[in-house]
Full PDB file with SEQRES, HELIX, SHEET, SSBOND, CRYST1, ORIGX, SCALE, CONECT and MASTER records, all heavy atoms in Angstrom:
SEQRES   1 A   30  ALA GLU ARG MET GLN THR HIS GLY ARG ILE MET ALA GLU          
SEQRES   2 A   30  ASN SER PRO TYR PHE GLY PRO MET PHE GLU SER GLY GLU          
SEQRES   3 A   30  LEU ASN TYR ASN                                              
HELIX    1 AA1 GLU A    2  ASN A   14  1                                  13    
HELIX    2 AA2 GLY A   19  SER A   24  1                                   6    
CRYST1    1.000    1.000    1.000  90.00  90.00  90.00 P 1           1          
ORIGX1      1.000000  0.000000  0.000000        0.00000                         
ORIGX2      0.000000  1.000000  0.000000        0.00000                         
ORIGX3      0.000000  0.000000  1.000000        0.00000                         
SCALE1      1.000000  0.000000  0.000000        0.00000                         
SCALE2      0.000000  1.000000  0.000000        0.00000                         
SCALE3      0.000000  0.000000  1.000000        0.00000                         
ATOM      1  N   ALA A   1     -45.384 -21.916  17.429  1.00  0.00           N  
ATOM      2  CA  ALA A   1     -45.352 -21.221  18.719  1.00  0.00           C  
ATOM      3  C   ALA A   1     -44.209 -21.752  19.573  1.00  0.00           C  
ATOM      4  O   ALA A   1     -43.511 -20.985  20.241  1.00  0.00           O  
ATOM      5  CB  ALA A   1     -46.690 -21.395  19.449  1.00  0.00           C  
ATOM      6  N   GLU A   2     -43.994 -23.055  19.532  1.00  0.00           N  
ATOM      7  CA  GLU A   2     -42.915 -23.644  20.322  1.00  0.00           C  
ATOM      8  C   GLU A   2     -41.541 -23.197  19.819  1.00  0.00           C  
ATOM      9  O   GLU A   2     -40.627 -23.020  20.613  1.00  0.00           O  
ATOM     10  CB  GLU A   2     -43.015 -25.169  20.310  1.00  0.00           C  
ATOM     11  CG  GLU A   2     -42.079 -25.814  21.301  1.00  0.00           C  
ATOM     12  CD  GLU A   2     -42.296 -27.310  21.430  1.00  0.00           C  
ATOM     13  OE1 GLU A   2     -43.264 -27.859  20.872  1.00  0.00           O  
ATOM     14  OE2 GLU A   2     -41.478 -27.947  22.120  1.00  0.00           O  
ATOM     15  N   ARG A   3     -41.412 -22.975  18.516  1.00  0.00           N  
ATOM     16  CA  ARG A   3     -40.141 -22.442  17.986  1.00  0.00           C  
ATOM     17  C   ARG A   3     -39.810 -21.101  18.627  1.00  0.00           C  
ATOM     18  O   ARG A   3     -38.683 -20.855  19.030  1.00  0.00           O  
ATOM     19  CB  ARG A   3     -40.229 -22.254  16.471  1.00  0.00           C  
ATOM     20  CG  ARG A   3     -39.876 -23.443  15.695  1.00  0.00           C  
ATOM     21  CD  ARG A   3     -39.775 -23.099  14.200  1.00  0.00           C  
ATOM     22  NE  ARG A   3     -40.056 -24.287  13.452  1.00  0.00           N  
ATOM     23  CZ  ARG A   3     -41.082 -24.476  12.635  1.00  0.00           C  
ATOM     24  NH1 ARG A   3     -41.926 -23.494  12.413  1.00  0.00           N  
ATOM     25  NH2 ARG A   3     -41.267 -25.611  12.037  1.00  0.00           N  
ATOM     26  N   MET A   4     -40.813 -20.226  18.707  1.00  0.00           N  
ATOM     27  CA  MET A   4     -40.581 -18.912  19.328  1.00  0.00           C  
ATOM     28  C   MET A   4     -40.180 -19.070  20.777  1.00  0.00           C  
ATOM     29  O   MET A   4     -39.238 -18.437  21.238  1.00  0.00           O  
ATOM     30  CB  MET A   4     -41.848 -18.050  19.264  1.00  0.00           C  
ATOM     31  CG  MET A   4     -42.140 -17.451  17.939  1.00  0.00           C  
ATOM     32  SD  MET A   4     -43.433 -16.203  18.086  1.00  0.00           S  
ATOM     33  CE  MET A   4     -44.782 -17.100  18.821  1.00  0.00           C  
ATOM     34  N   GLN A   5     -40.916 -19.886  21.510  1.00  0.00           N  
ATOM     35  CA  GLN A   5     -40.622 -20.061  22.918  1.00  0.00           C  
ATOM     36  C   GLN A   5     -39.238 -20.690  23.114  1.00  0.00           C  
ATOM     37  O   GLN A   5     -38.500 -20.295  24.013  1.00  0.00           O  
ATOM     38  CB  GLN A   5     -41.680 -20.922  23.602  1.00  0.00           C  
ATOM     39  CG  GLN A   5     -41.465 -20.985  25.105  1.00  0.00           C  
ATOM     40  CD  GLN A   5     -42.281 -22.061  25.762  1.00  0.00           C  
ATOM     41  OE1 GLN A   5     -42.318 -23.185  25.295  1.00  0.00           O  
ATOM     42  NE2 GLN A   5     -42.939 -21.704  26.852  1.00  0.00           N  
ATOM     43  N   THR A   6     -38.883 -21.630  22.275  1.00  0.00           N  
ATOM     44  CA  THR A   6     -37.567 -22.274  22.376  1.00  0.00           C  
ATOM     45  C   THR A   6     -36.454 -21.255  22.168  1.00  0.00           C  
ATOM     46  O   THR A   6     -35.475 -21.235  22.919  1.00  0.00           O  
ATOM     47  CB  THR A   6     -37.447 -23.424  21.358  1.00  0.00           C  
ATOM     48  OG1 THR A   6     -38.428 -24.411  21.677  1.00  0.00           O  
ATOM     49  CG2 THR A   6     -36.063 -24.049  21.386  1.00  0.00           C  
ATOM     50  N   HIS A   7     -36.609 -20.391  21.178  1.00  0.00           N  
ATOM     51  CA  HIS A   7     -35.599 -19.344  20.956  1.00  0.00           C  
ATOM     52  C   HIS A   7     -35.485 -18.437  22.178  1.00  0.00           C  
ATOM     53  O   HIS A   7     -34.385 -18.077  22.603  1.00  0.00           O  
ATOM     54  CB  HIS A   7     -35.914 -18.518  19.711  1.00  0.00           C  
ATOM     55  CG  HIS A   7     -35.690 -19.235  18.432  1.00  0.00           C  
ATOM     56  ND1 HIS A   7     -34.467 -19.735  18.056  1.00  0.00           N  
ATOM     57  CD2 HIS A   7     -36.548 -19.548  17.431  1.00  0.00           C  
ATOM     58  CE1 HIS A   7     -34.579 -20.322  16.877  1.00  0.00           C  
ATOM     59  NE2 HIS A   7     -35.830 -20.223  16.478  1.00  0.00           N  
ATOM     60  N   GLY A   8     -36.624 -18.064  22.754  1.00  0.00           N  
ATOM     61  CA  GLY A   8     -36.610 -17.229  23.957  1.00  0.00           C  
ATOM     62  C   GLY A   8     -35.938 -17.925  25.130  1.00  0.00           C  
ATOM     63  O   GLY A   8     -35.150 -17.327  25.864  1.00  0.00           O  
ATOM     64  N   ARG A   9     -36.235 -19.212  25.318  1.00  0.00           N  
ATOM     65  CA  ARG A   9     -35.619 -19.970  26.420  1.00  0.00           C  
ATOM     66  C   ARG A   9     -34.107 -20.082  26.220  1.00  0.00           C  
ATOM     67  O   ARG A   9     -33.341 -19.877  27.165  1.00  0.00           O  
ATOM     68  CB  ARG A   9     -36.241 -21.366  26.511  1.00  0.00           C  
ATOM     69  CG  ARG A   9     -35.664 -22.212  27.642  1.00  0.00           C  
ATOM     70  CD  ARG A   9     -36.291 -23.584  27.716  1.00  0.00           C  
ATOM     71  NE  ARG A   9     -36.395 -24.298  26.468  1.00  0.00           N  
ATOM     72  CZ  ARG A   9     -35.388 -24.960  25.868  1.00  0.00           C  
ATOM     73  NH1 ARG A   9     -34.199 -24.993  26.419  1.00  0.00           N  
ATOM     74  NH2 ARG A   9     -35.585 -25.586  24.732  1.00  0.00           N  
ATOM     75  N   ILE A  10     -33.664 -20.349  25.004  1.00  0.00           N  
ATOM     76  CA  ILE A  10     -32.223 -20.446  24.735  1.00  0.00           C  
ATOM     77  C   ILE A  10     -31.545 -19.101  24.965  1.00  0.00           C  
ATOM     78  O   ILE A  10     -30.456 -19.029  25.540  1.00  0.00           O  
ATOM     79  CB  ILE A  10     -31.973 -20.980  23.312  1.00  0.00           C  
ATOM     80  CG1 ILE A  10     -32.398 -22.453  23.239  1.00  0.00           C  
ATOM     81  CG2 ILE A  10     -30.513 -20.814  22.909  1.00  0.00           C  
ATOM     82  CD1 ILE A  10     -32.438 -23.021  21.827  1.00  0.00           C  
ATOM     83  N   MET A  11     -32.207 -18.021  24.541  1.00  0.00           N  
ATOM     84  CA  MET A  11     -31.658 -16.683  24.804  1.00  0.00           C  
ATOM     85  C   MET A  11     -31.514 -16.460  26.303  1.00  0.00           C  
ATOM     86  O   MET A  11     -30.506 -15.931  26.774  1.00  0.00           O  
ATOM     87  CB  MET A  11     -32.553 -15.603  24.194  1.00  0.00           C  
ATOM     88  CG  MET A  11     -32.474 -15.519  22.693  1.00  0.00           C  
ATOM     89  SD  MET A  11     -33.695 -14.367  22.001  1.00  0.00           S  
ATOM     90  CE  MET A  11     -33.190 -12.831  22.731  1.00  0.00           C  
ATOM     91  N   ALA A  12     -32.534 -16.858  27.065  1.00  0.00           N  
ATOM     92  CA  ALA A  12     -32.497 -16.681  28.521  1.00  0.00           C  
ATOM     93  C   ALA A  12     -31.381 -17.510  29.140  1.00  0.00           C  
ATOM     94  O   ALA A  12     -30.633 -17.017  29.998  1.00  0.00           O  
ATOM     95  CB  ALA A  12     -33.845 -17.061  29.134  1.00  0.00           C  
ATOM     96  N   GLU A  13     -31.242 -18.756  28.717  1.00  0.00           N  
ATOM     97  CA  GLU A  13     -30.201 -19.629  29.272  1.00  0.00           C  
ATOM     98  C   GLU A  13     -28.802 -19.063  29.032  1.00  0.00           C  
ATOM     99  O   GLU A  13     -27.911 -19.227  29.857  1.00  0.00           O  
ATOM    100  CB  GLU A  13     -30.293 -21.026  28.653  1.00  0.00           C  
ATOM    101  CG  GLU A  13     -31.493 -21.811  29.144  1.00  0.00           C  
ATOM    102  CD  GLU A  13     -31.724 -23.093  28.346  1.00  0.00           C  
ATOM    103  OE1 GLU A  13     -31.100 -23.289  27.278  1.00  0.00           O  
ATOM    104  OE2 GLU A  13     -32.550 -23.907  28.801  1.00  0.00           O  
ATOM    105  N   ASN A  14     -28.631 -18.361  27.916  1.00  0.00           N  
ATOM    106  CA  ASN A  14     -27.315 -17.814  27.560  1.00  0.00           C  
ATOM    107  C   ASN A  14     -27.114 -16.366  27.981  1.00  0.00           C  
ATOM    108  O   ASN A  14     -26.057 -15.798  27.729  1.00  0.00           O  
ATOM    109  CB  ASN A  14     -27.091 -17.952  26.047  1.00  0.00           C  
ATOM    110  CG  ASN A  14     -26.950 -19.388  25.635  1.00  0.00           C  
ATOM    111  OD1 ASN A  14     -26.144 -20.123  26.194  1.00  0.00           O  
ATOM    112  ND2 ASN A  14     -27.742 -19.812  24.669  1.00  0.00           N  
ATOM    113  N   SER A  15     -28.116 -15.772  28.608  1.00  0.00           N  
ATOM    114  CA  SER A  15     -27.995 -14.360  28.965  1.00  0.00           C  
ATOM    115  C   SER A  15     -27.330 -14.185  30.327  1.00  0.00           C  
ATOM    116  O   SER A  15     -27.532 -14.983  31.239  1.00  0.00           O  
ATOM    117  CB  SER A  15     -29.365 -13.686  28.947  1.00  0.00           C  
ATOM    118  OG  SER A  15     -29.908 -13.550  30.220  1.00  0.00           O  
ATOM    119  N   PRO A  16     -26.549 -13.113  30.484  1.00  0.00           N  
ATOM    120  CA  PRO A  16     -25.943 -12.851  31.789  1.00  0.00           C  
ATOM    121  C   PRO A  16     -26.974 -12.502  32.857  1.00  0.00           C  
ATOM    122  O   PRO A  16     -26.706 -12.665  34.042  1.00  0.00           O  
ATOM    123  CB  PRO A  16     -25.000 -11.676  31.524  1.00  0.00           C  
ATOM    124  CG  PRO A  16     -25.321 -11.152  30.178  1.00  0.00           C  
ATOM    125  CD  PRO A  16     -26.143 -12.169  29.463  1.00  0.00           C  
ATOM    126  N   TYR A  17     -28.158 -12.063  32.462  1.00  0.00           N  
ATOM    127  CA  TYR A  17     -29.205 -11.720  33.421  1.00  0.00           C  
ATOM    128  C   TYR A  17     -29.970 -12.972  33.862  1.00  0.00           C  
ATOM    129  O   TYR A  17     -30.124 -13.233  35.053  1.00  0.00           O  
ATOM    130  CB  TYR A  17     -30.168 -10.694  32.797  1.00  0.00           C  
ATOM    131  CG  TYR A  17     -31.318 -10.311  33.702  1.00  0.00           C  
ATOM    132  CD1 TYR A  17     -31.124  -9.443  34.777  1.00  0.00           C  
ATOM    133  CD2 TYR A  17     -32.590 -10.813  33.491  1.00  0.00           C  
ATOM    134  CE1 TYR A  17     -32.176  -9.099  35.617  1.00  0.00           C  
ATOM    135  CE2 TYR A  17     -33.649 -10.469  34.319  1.00  0.00           C  
ATOM    136  CZ  TYR A  17     -33.427  -9.616  35.381  1.00  0.00           C  
ATOM    137  OH  TYR A  17     -34.478  -9.273  36.210  1.00  0.00           O  
ATOM    138  N   PHE A  18     -30.487 -13.735  32.895  1.00  0.00           N  
ATOM    139  CA  PHE A  18     -31.323 -14.888  33.217  1.00  0.00           C  
ATOM    140  C   PHE A  18     -30.528 -16.154  33.534  1.00  0.00           C  
ATOM    141  O   PHE A  18     -30.997 -16.988  34.304  1.00  0.00           O  
ATOM    142  CB  PHE A  18     -32.281 -15.200  32.056  1.00  0.00           C  
ATOM    143  CG  PHE A  18     -33.408 -14.225  31.920  1.00  0.00           C  
ATOM    144  CD1 PHE A  18     -33.477 -13.373  30.827  1.00  0.00           C  
ATOM    145  CD2 PHE A  18     -34.419 -14.171  32.860  1.00  0.00           C  
ATOM    146  CE1 PHE A  18     -34.525 -12.483  30.681  1.00  0.00           C  
ATOM    147  CE2 PHE A  18     -35.475 -13.284  32.724  1.00  0.00           C  
ATOM    148  CZ  PHE A  18     -35.527 -12.441  31.631  1.00  0.00           C  
ATOM    149  N   GLY A  19     -29.366 -16.329  32.931  1.00  0.00           N  
ATOM    150  CA  GLY A  19     -28.583 -17.553  33.114  1.00  0.00           C  
ATOM    151  C   GLY A  19     -28.399 -17.955  34.570  1.00  0.00           C  
ATOM    152  O   GLY A  19     -28.701 -19.100  34.948  1.00  0.00           O  
ATOM    153  N   PRO A  20     -27.933 -17.039  35.432  1.00  0.00           N  
ATOM    154  CA  PRO A  20     -27.780 -17.390  36.853  1.00  0.00           C  
ATOM    155  C   PRO A  20     -29.100 -17.771  37.537  1.00  0.00           C  
ATOM    156  O   PRO A  20     -29.106 -18.532  38.498  1.00  0.00           O  
ATOM    157  CB  PRO A  20     -27.186 -16.124  37.473  1.00  0.00           C  
ATOM    158  CG  PRO A  20     -26.518 -15.422  36.336  1.00  0.00           C  
ATOM    159  CD  PRO A  20     -27.360 -15.724  35.134  1.00  0.00           C  
ATOM    160  N   MET A  21     -30.225 -17.256  37.027  1.00  0.00           N  
ATOM    161  CA  MET A  21     -31.521 -17.611  37.612  1.00  0.00           C  
ATOM    162  C   MET A  21     -31.850 -19.078  37.368  1.00  0.00           C  
ATOM    163  O   MET A  21     -32.485 -19.719  38.207  1.00  0.00           O  
ATOM    164  CB  MET A  21     -32.631 -16.720  37.047  1.00  0.00           C  
ATOM    165  CG  MET A  21     -32.554 -15.277  37.488  1.00  0.00           C  
ATOM    166  SD  MET A  21     -33.982 -14.405  36.812  1.00  0.00           S  
ATOM    167  CE  MET A  21     -33.419 -12.727  36.933  1.00  0.00           C  
ATOM    168  N   PHE A  22     -31.450 -19.602  36.209  1.00  0.00           N  
ATOM    169  CA  PHE A  22     -31.640 -21.035  35.955  1.00  0.00           C  
ATOM    170  C   PHE A  22     -30.801 -21.847  36.945  1.00  0.00           C  
ATOM    171  O   PHE A  22     -31.267 -22.820  37.510  1.00  0.00           O  
ATOM    172  CB  PHE A  22     -31.222 -21.403  34.523  1.00  0.00           C  
ATOM    173  CG  PHE A  22     -32.265 -21.135  33.482  1.00  0.00           C  
ATOM    174  CD1 PHE A  22     -32.134 -20.076  32.616  1.00  0.00           C  
ATOM    175  CD2 PHE A  22     -33.367 -21.978  33.352  1.00  0.00           C  
ATOM    176  CE1 PHE A  22     -33.082 -19.837  31.636  1.00  0.00           C  
ATOM    177  CE2 PHE A  22     -34.324 -21.748  32.380  1.00  0.00           C  
ATOM    178  CZ  PHE A  22     -34.185 -20.669  31.513  1.00  0.00           C  
ATOM    179  N   GLU A  23     -29.557 -21.406  37.124  1.00  0.00           N  
ATOM    180  CA  GLU A  23     -28.639 -22.125  38.015  1.00  0.00           C  
ATOM    181  C   GLU A  23     -29.126 -22.118  39.464  1.00  0.00           C  
ATOM    182  O   GLU A  23     -28.991 -23.115  40.175  1.00  0.00           O  
ATOM    183  CB  GLU A  23     -27.237 -21.532  37.914  1.00  0.00           C  
ATOM    184  CG  GLU A  23     -26.593 -21.759  36.554  1.00  0.00           C  
ATOM    185  CD  GLU A  23     -25.308 -20.980  36.351  1.00  0.00           C  
ATOM    186  OE1 GLU A  23     -24.718 -20.506  37.342  1.00  0.00           O  
ATOM    187  OE2 GLU A  23     -24.898 -20.836  35.189  1.00  0.00           O  
ATOM    188  N   SER A  24     -29.705 -21.012  39.903  1.00  0.00           N  
ATOM    189  CA  SER A  24     -30.169 -20.913  41.298  1.00  0.00           C  
ATOM    190  C   SER A  24     -31.543 -21.548  41.514  1.00  0.00           C  
ATOM    191  O   SER A  24     -31.969 -21.717  42.652  1.00  0.00           O  
ATOM    192  CB  SER A  24     -30.218 -19.446  41.734  1.00  0.00           C  
ATOM    193  OG  SER A  24     -31.310 -18.784  41.088  1.00  0.00           O  
ATOM    194  N   GLY A  25     -32.243 -21.849  40.431  1.00  0.00           N  
ATOM    195  CA  GLY A  25     -33.584 -22.425  40.547  1.00  0.00           C  
ATOM    196  C   GLY A  25     -34.696 -21.392  40.573  1.00  0.00           C  
ATOM    197  O   GLY A  25     -35.871 -21.754  40.665  1.00  0.00           O  
ATOM    198  N   GLU A  26     -34.364 -20.089  40.506  1.00  0.00           N  
ATOM    199  CA  GLU A  26     -35.398 -19.046  40.456  1.00  0.00           C  
ATOM    200  C   GLU A  26     -36.209 -19.144  39.170  1.00  0.00           C  
ATOM    201  O   GLU A  26     -37.366 -18.752  39.125  1.00  0.00           O  
ATOM    202  CB  GLU A  26     -34.763 -17.650  40.480  1.00  0.00           C  
ATOM    203  CG  GLU A  26     -34.178 -17.210  41.785  1.00  0.00           C  
ATOM    204  CD  GLU A  26     -33.554 -15.832  41.631  1.00  0.00           C  
ATOM    205  OE1 GLU A  26     -34.295 -14.883  41.319  1.00  0.00           O  
ATOM    206  OE2 GLU A  26     -32.335 -15.716  41.806  1.00  0.00           O  
ATOM    207  N   LEU A  27     -35.562 -19.622  38.124  1.00  0.00           N  
ATOM    208  CA  LEU A  27     -36.169 -19.707  36.801  1.00  0.00           C  
ATOM    209  C   LEU A  27     -36.086 -21.157  36.357  1.00  0.00           C  
ATOM    210  O   LEU A  27     -35.026 -21.777  36.444  1.00  0.00           O  
ATOM    211  CB  LEU A  27     -35.385 -18.802  35.842  1.00  0.00           C  
ATOM    212  CG  LEU A  27     -35.947 -18.527  34.463  1.00  0.00           C  
ATOM    213  CD1 LEU A  27     -37.306 -17.835  34.549  1.00  0.00           C  
ATOM    214  CD2 LEU A  27     -34.979 -17.640  33.686  1.00  0.00           C  
ATOM    215  N   ASN A  28     -37.223 -21.699  35.936  1.00  0.00           N  
ATOM    216  CA  ASN A  28     -37.160 -23.071  35.454  1.00  0.00           C  
ATOM    217  C   ASN A  28     -38.062 -23.263  34.248  1.00  0.00           C  
ATOM    218  O   ASN A  28     -38.979 -22.480  34.014  1.00  0.00           O  
ATOM    219  CB  ASN A  28     -37.469 -24.093  36.554  1.00  0.00           C  
ATOM    220  CG  ASN A  28     -38.900 -24.038  37.018  1.00  0.00           C  
ATOM    221  OD1 ASN A  28     -39.827 -24.035  36.227  1.00  0.00           O  
ATOM    222  ND2 ASN A  28     -39.094 -23.997  38.323  1.00  0.00           N  
ATOM    223  N   TYR A  29     -37.751 -24.308  33.513  1.00  0.00           N  
ATOM    224  CA  TYR A  29     -38.531 -24.651  32.323  1.00  0.00           C  
ATOM    225  C   TYR A  29     -39.114 -26.046  32.518  1.00  0.00           C  
ATOM    226  O   TYR A  29     -38.376 -27.005  32.733  1.00  0.00           O  
ATOM    227  CB  TYR A  29     -37.660 -24.606  31.069  1.00  0.00           C  
ATOM    228  CG  TYR A  29     -38.434 -24.953  29.822  1.00  0.00           C  
ATOM    229  CD1 TYR A  29     -39.386 -24.078  29.327  1.00  0.00           C  
ATOM    230  CD2 TYR A  29     -38.222 -26.155  29.158  1.00  0.00           C  
ATOM    231  CE1 TYR A  29     -40.115 -24.394  28.191  1.00  0.00           C  
ATOM    232  CE2 TYR A  29     -38.944 -26.470  28.022  1.00  0.00           C  
ATOM    233  CZ  TYR A  29     -39.888 -25.582  27.543  1.00  0.00           C  
ATOM    234  OH  TYR A  29     -40.609 -25.893  26.418  1.00  0.00           O  
ATOM    235  N   ASN A  30     -40.430 -26.148  32.454  1.00  0.00           N  
ATOM    236  CA  ASN A  30     -41.108 -27.427  32.568  1.00  0.00           C  
ATOM    237  C   ASN A  30     -41.292 -27.980  31.159  1.00  0.00           C  
ATOM    238  O   ASN A  30     -42.085 -27.450  30.373  1.00  0.00           O  
ATOM    239  CB  ASN A  30     -42.462 -27.247  33.262  1.00  0.00           C  
ATOM    240  CG  ASN A  30     -43.186 -28.543  33.470  1.00  0.00           C  
ATOM    241  OD1 ASN A  30     -43.286 -29.371  32.574  1.00  0.00           O  
ATOM    242  ND2 ASN A  30     -43.722 -28.709  34.671  1.00  0.00           N  
TER     243      ASN A  30                                                      
MASTER        0    0    0    2    0    0    0    6  242    1    0    3          
END                                                                             
């Protein structure tokens, strides 16, 4: 299950949509 979530998180970090959300703090990973 963590493999799937990790792939999704990496996709989000590298996406033009989600990437800026990580930078602004709107999106975070605990």
